[in-house]
Every structure is written in C-alpha cells, then in structure tokens.
Amino acid sequence: MMNYIVRIFLATLILVTSIPAISAEEFDDATALEGITNGKVVWDINTNSPKRLALYLNIINETYDGLVKQGVVPDMVITFRGESVAIISSDHEAITLSSMPEILQSAEIINELMRKPNIHMEVCSIAARIFGVDTKHILHGIRPVGNTFISLISYQKKGYAIIPIY
C-alpha cells in the first residue's frame, strides 16, 4: 500500500512540476482597456490593518505599472480615512511592535508611489481628529483635506472610478 501511495505522490509531483507557471505578466487587459487612454481611479482606503494596507499598496503600485505597460496613462488619487490614518502617521507611539515591519513597508511603498506621475494622496482630517492623529505627523506628501467623503463625491463626479479598500 505504501509503495502505491509513493508512486501516486511522485506521479503527481512530476505532473505538477511539468506544467508551466503562468504569471500575471502573461495576461493583458486589452478587452477592458479597448478605447481607454486614461485610467482615472480613486482608491478609498479605510483599513486598520497594517498588513492589509501594505498588501493593497503593493497592488495599487502593480496596477499603476500595469496600466502604463498597456498604454494607459494612470491618474490616481489615494485617499486615507478611518483608522488607516494612524498607519500613515509618523507617530507610532500607539502602534504595536509586531506591526512595525508592515507600517515601514507601507511608508516605503507610499514614497515610491509619490514619485510616479499623476498620483496624489489625501488624508481625511475628520478621521485624524476622531482617531487622535495629529495631521502634522502624516507622512510627507499626503495632503490633509477637510472630508474624504466630499473628495470621493467630487472625484466620482469627475469620472474617477472608486475602488474601496477595507
């Protein structure tokens, strides 16, 4: 019986390793992007998870690069509201030590994104007030606005797609 199981395992292993891996780069978005020259999007970030924020900032970065690669000019606004304002603050007094790697990774990705053309970032001053975050501690380049709900309404009226990150 054991010999049979070993043979099944080895056959499965050979089969799986012989299938070529397909990366995201082998795919395109030609059908969806047909006739599109400008990718207008607002990322509505409202998460209290440093790990989730780092993950989605990486995906936003990859989305930007994917649009450029496919001939579309990205026009991105990244808004931070809710508890996410604490993650993008340079004041880490209330943050647990275990969250610091993701917070530092998020700050690094934010800096990388800010160096790209047609990206700007906003933070909600209402959320900052509610969650006790002084806007002077918000990462450099992220502009405090009065109310990101007003921003979301306005950008949507201007033709931006809104993608929620919660």
C-alpha atoms as a PDB file:
ATOM      1  CA  MET A   1       0.000   0.000   0.000  1.00  0.00           C
ATOM      2  CA  MET A   2       2.802   2.441   0.928  1.00  0.00           C
ATOM      3  CA  ASN A   3       4.565   1.767  -2.384  1.00  0.00           C
ATOM      4  CA  TYR A   4       1.333   2.639  -4.215  1.00  0.00           C
ATOM      5  CA  ILE A   5       0.997   5.942  -2.291  1.00  0.00           C
ATOM      6  CA  VAL A   6       4.615   6.857  -3.027  1.00  0.00           C
ATOM      7  CA  ARG A   7       4.072   6.183  -6.757  1.00  0.00           C
ATOM      8  CA  ILE A   8       0.904   8.333  -6.799  1.00  0.00           C
ATOM      9  CA  PHE A   9       2.745  11.121  -4.980  1.00  0.00           C
ATOM     10  CA  LEU A  10       5.701  11.002  -7.395  1.00  0.00           C
ATOM     11  CA  ALA A  11       3.416  10.919 -10.435  1.00  0.00           C
ATOM     12  CA  THR A  12       1.501  13.924  -9.107  1.00  0.00           C
ATOM     13  CA  LEU A  13       4.746  15.762  -8.353  1.00  0.00           C
ATOM     14  CA  ILE A  14       6.045  15.145 -11.888  1.00  0.00           C
ATOM     15  CA  LEU A  15       2.753  16.286 -13.396  1.00  0.00           C
ATOM     16  CA  VAL A  16       2.551  19.458 -11.318  1.00  0.00           C
ATOM     17  CA  THR A  17       6.175  20.469 -11.886  1.00  0.00           C
ATOM     18  CA  SER A  18       5.905  19.892 -15.633  1.00  0.00           C
ATOM     19  CA  ILE A  19       3.040  22.372 -16.034  1.00  0.00           C
ATOM     20  CA  PRO A  20       4.484  25.771 -16.910  1.00  0.00           C
ATOM     21  CA  ALA A  21       3.770  28.501 -14.375  1.00  0.00           C
ATOM     22  CA  ILE A  22       1.605  31.319 -15.669  1.00  0.00           C
ATOM     23  CA  SER A  23       2.440  34.737 -14.334  1.00  0.00           C
ATOM     24  CA  ALA A  24       0.190  37.787 -14.356  1.00  0.00           C
ATOM     25  CA  GLU A  25       2.531  39.310 -16.935  1.00  0.00           C
ATOM     26  CA  GLU A  26       1.372  36.742 -19.492  1.00  0.00           C
ATOM     27  CA  PHE A  27      -2.120  38.177 -19.368  1.00  0.00           C
ATOM     28  CA  ASP A  28      -3.399  41.537 -20.506  1.00  0.00           C
ATOM     29  CA  ASP A  29      -6.488  43.634 -20.077  1.00  0.00           C
ATOM     30  CA  ALA A  30      -6.946  44.504 -23.758  1.00  0.00           C
ATOM     31  CA  THR A  31     -10.698  43.865 -23.829  1.00  0.00           C
ATOM     32  CA  ALA A  32     -11.411  46.062 -20.805  1.00  0.00           C
ATOM     33  CA  LEU A  33      -8.971  48.760 -21.917  1.00  0.00           C
ATOM     34  CA  GLU A  34     -10.200  48.979 -25.512  1.00  0.00           C
ATOM     35  CA  GLY A  35     -10.549  52.678 -26.364  1.00  0.00           C
ATOM     36  CA  ILE A  36      -9.246  53.784 -22.948  1.00  0.00           C
ATOM     37  CA  THR A  37      -6.281  56.141 -22.829  1.00  0.00           C
ATOM     38  CA  ASN A  38      -6.579  57.424 -19.261  1.00  0.00           C
ATOM     39  CA  GLY A  39      -7.133  55.358 -16.096  1.00  0.00           C
ATOM     40  CA  LYS A  40      -8.849  57.627 -13.562  1.00  0.00           C
ATOM     41  CA  VAL A  41      -9.236  55.949 -10.187  1.00  0.00           C
ATOM     42  CA  VAL A  42      -9.659  56.875  -6.541  1.00  0.00           C
ATOM     43  CA  TRP A  43      -8.519  54.281  -4.039  1.00  0.00           C
ATOM     44  CA  ASP A  44     -10.735  54.667  -0.944  1.00  0.00           C
ATOM     45  CA  ILE A  45      -8.561  53.216   1.827  1.00  0.00           C
ATOM     46  CA  ASN A  46     -10.206  52.543   5.173  1.00  0.00           C
ATOM     47  CA  THR A  47      -8.401  49.716   6.936  1.00  0.00           C
ATOM     48  CA  ASN A  48      -6.956  49.367  10.408  1.00  0.00           C
ATOM     49  CA  SER A  49      -4.655  46.529   9.346  1.00  0.00           C
ATOM     50  CA  PRO A  50      -1.038  47.469   8.602  1.00  0.00           C
ATOM     51  CA  LYS A  51      -0.606  44.121   6.838  1.00  0.00           C
ATOM     52  CA  ARG A  52      -3.647  44.707   4.588  1.00  0.00           C
ATOM     53  CA  LEU A  53      -2.519  48.263   3.829  1.00  0.00           C
ATOM     54  CA  ALA A  54       0.945  47.098   2.730  1.00  0.00           C
ATOM     55  CA  LEU A  55      -0.631  44.365   0.580  1.00  0.00           C
ATOM     56  CA  TYR A  56      -3.008  46.749  -1.192  1.00  0.00           C
ATOM     57  CA  LEU A  57      -0.422  49.488  -1.650  1.00  0.00           C
ATOM     58  CA  ASN A  58       1.681  46.898  -3.479  1.00  0.00           C
ATOM     59  CA  ILE A  59      -1.330  46.010  -5.645  1.00  0.00           C
ATOM     60  CA  ILE A  60      -2.003  49.708  -6.352  1.00  0.00           C
ATOM     61  CA  ASN A  61       1.638  50.062  -7.416  1.00  0.00           C
ATOM     62  CA  GLU A  62       1.325  47.000  -9.661  1.00  0.00           C
ATOM     63  CA  THR A  63      -1.940  48.364 -11.104  1.00  0.00           C
ATOM     64  CA  TYR A  64      -0.247  51.651 -11.964  1.00  0.00           C
ATOM     65  CA  ASP A  65       2.603  49.829 -13.699  1.00  0.00           C
ATOM     66  CA  GLY A  66       0.143  47.516 -15.488  1.00  0.00           C
ATOM     67  CA  LEU A  67      -1.782  50.469 -16.897  1.00  0.00           C
ATOM     68  CA  VAL A  68       1.428  52.105 -18.120  1.00  0.00           C
ATOM     69  CA  LYS A  69       2.628  48.837 -19.667  1.00  0.00           C
ATOM     70  CA  GLN A  70      -0.652  48.569 -21.589  1.00  0.00           C
ATOM     71  CA  GLY A  71      -0.515  52.132 -22.913  1.00  0.00           C
ATOM     72  CA  VAL A  72      -2.942  53.758 -20.463  1.00  0.00           C
ATOM     73  CA  VAL A  73      -1.985  56.901 -18.538  1.00  0.00           C
ATOM     74  CA  PRO A  74      -2.815  56.384 -14.844  1.00  0.00           C
ATOM     75  CA  ASP A  75      -4.495  59.234 -12.974  1.00  0.00           C
ATOM     76  CA  MET A  76      -4.720  58.055  -9.370  1.00  0.00           C
ATOM     77  CA  VAL A  77      -5.872  59.556  -6.110  1.00  0.00           C
ATOM     78  CA  ILE A  78      -5.290  57.584  -2.943  1.00  0.00           C
ATOM     79  CA  THR A  79      -7.495  58.631  -0.036  1.00  0.00           C
ATOM     80  CA  PHE A  80      -6.987  57.516   3.547  1.00  0.00           C
ATOM     81  CA  ARG A  81      -9.834  57.649   6.031  1.00  0.00           C
ATOM     82  CA  GLY A  82     -10.980  55.845   9.129  1.00  0.00           C
ATOM     83  CA  GLU A  83      -8.380  54.045  11.181  1.00  0.00           C
ATOM     84  CA  SER A  84      -5.940  53.953   8.262  1.00  0.00           C
ATOM     85  CA  VAL A  85      -4.867  57.474   9.269  1.00  0.00           C
ATOM     86  CA  ALA A  86      -2.965  56.022  12.246  1.00  0.00           C
ATOM     87  CA  ILE A  87      -0.986  53.710   9.967  1.00  0.00           C
ATOM     88  CA  ILE A  88       0.219  56.558   7.733  1.00  0.00           C
ATOM     89  CA  SER A  89       1.338  58.686  10.671  1.00  0.00           C
ATOM     90  CA  SER A  90       4.974  59.049  11.662  1.00  0.00           C
ATOM     91  CA  ASP A  91       3.860  58.990  15.315  1.00  0.00           C
ATOM     92  CA  HIS A  92       3.953  55.284  16.183  1.00  0.00           C
ATOM     93  CA  GLU A  93       3.505  55.598  19.927  1.00  0.00           C
ATOM     94  CA  ALA A  94       0.250  53.599  19.950  1.00  0.00           C
ATOM     95  CA  ILE A  95       1.385  51.006  17.384  1.00  0.00           C
ATOM     96  CA  THR A  96       2.416  47.514  18.461  1.00  0.00           C
ATOM     97  CA  LEU A  97       5.976  46.476  17.727  1.00  0.00           C
ATOM     98  CA  SER A  98       4.759  43.481  15.695  1.00  0.00           C
ATOM     99  CA  SER A  99       3.059  45.863  13.217  1.00  0.00           C
ATOM    100  CA  MET A 100       6.155  47.963  12.546  1.00  0.00           C
ATOM    101  CA  PRO A 101       7.506  45.953   9.561  1.00  0.00           C
ATOM    102  CA  GLU A 102       4.244  46.435   7.635  1.00  0.00           C
ATOM    103  CA  ILE A 103       3.999  50.097   8.650  1.00  0.00           C
ATOM    104  CA  LEU A 104       7.536  50.731   7.427  1.00  0.00           C
ATOM    105  CA  GLN A 105       6.812  48.770   4.241  1.00  0.00           C
ATOM    106  CA  SER A 106       3.675  50.866   3.642  1.00  0.00           C
ATOM    107  CA  ALA A 107       5.670  54.089   4.115  1.00  0.00           C
ATOM    108  CA  GLU A 108       8.242  52.859   1.604  1.00  0.00           C
ATOM    109  CA  ILE A 109       5.570  51.993  -0.975  1.00  0.00           C
ATOM    110  CA  ILE A 110       3.835  55.342  -0.403  1.00  0.00           C
ATOM    111  CA  ASN A 111       7.133  57.121  -1.114  1.00  0.00           C
ATOM    112  CA  GLU A 112       7.608  55.047  -4.260  1.00  0.00           C
ATOM    113  CA  LEU A 113       4.067  55.810  -5.447  1.00  0.00           C
ATOM    114  CA  MET A 114       4.502  59.541  -4.810  1.00  0.00           C
ATOM    115  CA  ARG A 115       7.487  59.622  -7.159  1.00  0.00           C
ATOM    116  CA  LYS A 116       5.274  58.453 -10.018  1.00  0.00           C
ATOM    117  CA  PRO A 117       3.462  60.963 -12.224  1.00  0.00           C
ATOM    118  CA  ASN A 118      -0.281  61.535 -11.807  1.00  0.00           C
ATOM    119  CA  ILE A 119      -0.609  60.189  -8.260  1.00  0.00           C
ATOM    120  CA  HIS A 120      -1.640  62.235  -5.299  1.00  0.00           C
ATOM    121  CA  MET A 121      -2.743  61.257  -1.827  1.00  0.00           C
ATOM    122  CA  GLU A 122      -5.200  62.724   0.657  1.00  0.00           C
ATOM    123  CA  VAL A 123      -5.956  62.055   4.298  1.00  0.00           C
ATOM    124  CA  CYS A 124      -9.262  62.865   5.976  1.00  0.00           C
ATOM    125  CA  SER A 125      -8.886  65.482   8.703  1.00  0.00           C
ATOM    126  CA  ILE A 126     -12.153  64.315  10.295  1.00  0.00           C
ATOM    127  CA  ALA A 127     -10.758  60.776  10.665  1.00  0.00           C
ATOM    128  CA  ALA A 128      -7.495  62.185  12.007  1.00  0.00           C
ATOM    129  CA  ARG A 129      -9.408  64.145  14.639  1.00  0.00           C
ATOM    130  CA  ILE A 130     -11.635  61.185  15.592  1.00  0.00           C
ATOM    131  CA  PHE A 131      -8.719  58.763  15.917  1.00  0.00           C
ATOM    132  CA  GLY A 132      -6.410  61.245  17.663  1.00  0.00           C
ATOM    133  CA  VAL A 133      -3.855  61.583  14.877  1.00  0.00           C
ATOM    134  CA  ASP A 134      -2.187  64.978  14.523  1.00  0.00           C
ATOM    135  CA  THR A 135      -2.097  65.780  10.786  1.00  0.00           C
ATOM    136  CA  LYS A 136       1.397  67.247  11.199  1.00  0.00           C
ATOM    137  CA  HIS A 137       2.550  63.629  11.732  1.00  0.00           C
ATOM    138  CA  ILE A 138       1.008  62.336   8.494  1.00  0.00           C
ATOM    139  CA  LEU A 139       3.661  61.056   6.078  1.00  0.00           C
ATOM    140  CA  HIS A 140       5.164  63.768   3.901  1.00  0.00           C
ATOM    141  CA  GLY A 141       3.297  64.364   0.668  1.00  0.00           C
ATOM    142  CA  ILE A 142      -0.107  63.126   1.852  1.00  0.00           C
ATOM    143  CA  ARG A 143      -2.324  66.211   1.851  1.00  0.00           C
ATOM    144  CA  PRO A 144      -4.873  66.652   4.640  1.00  0.00           C
ATOM    145  CA  VAL A 145      -8.344  67.513   3.302  1.00  0.00           C
ATOM    146  CA  GLY A 146     -11.473  68.523   5.150  1.00  0.00           C
ATOM    147  CA  ASN A 147     -13.502  65.410   4.428  1.00  0.00           C
ATOM    148  CA  THR A 148     -12.619  62.484   2.141  1.00  0.00           C
ATOM    149  CA  PHE A 149     -16.322  61.730   1.636  1.00  0.00           C
ATOM    150  CA  ILE A 150     -16.525  65.089  -0.138  1.00  0.00           C
ATOM    151  CA  SER A 151     -13.416  64.149  -2.120  1.00  0.00           C
ATOM    152  CA  LEU A 152     -14.965  60.810  -3.124  1.00  0.00           C
ATOM    153  CA  ILE A 153     -18.194  62.512  -4.242  1.00  0.00           C
ATOM    154  CA  SER A 154     -16.242  65.073  -6.251  1.00  0.00           C
ATOM    155  CA  TYR A 155     -13.838  62.639  -7.915  1.00  0.00           C
ATOM    156  CA  GLN A 156     -16.702  60.333  -8.847  1.00  0.00           C
ATOM    157  CA  LYS A 157     -18.499  63.279 -10.483  1.00  0.00           C
ATOM    158  CA  LYS A 158     -15.270  63.975 -12.406  1.00  0.00           C
ATOM    159  CA  GLY A 159     -15.296  60.462 -13.863  1.00  0.00           C
ATOM    160  CA  TYR A 160     -12.934  58.659 -11.491  1.00  0.00           C
ATOM    161  CA  ALA A 161     -13.709  55.035 -10.641  1.00  0.00           C
ATOM    162  CA  ILE A 162     -13.793  54.463  -6.888  1.00  0.00           C
ATOM    163  CA  ILE A 163     -12.194  51.300  -5.589  1.00  0.00           C
ATOM    164  CA  PRO A 164     -12.782  50.622  -1.880  1.00  0.00           C
ATOM    165  CA  ILE A 165     -10.027  49.047   0.221  1.00  0.00           C
ATOM    166  CA  TYR A 166     -11.428  47.997   3.593  1.00  0.00           C
END
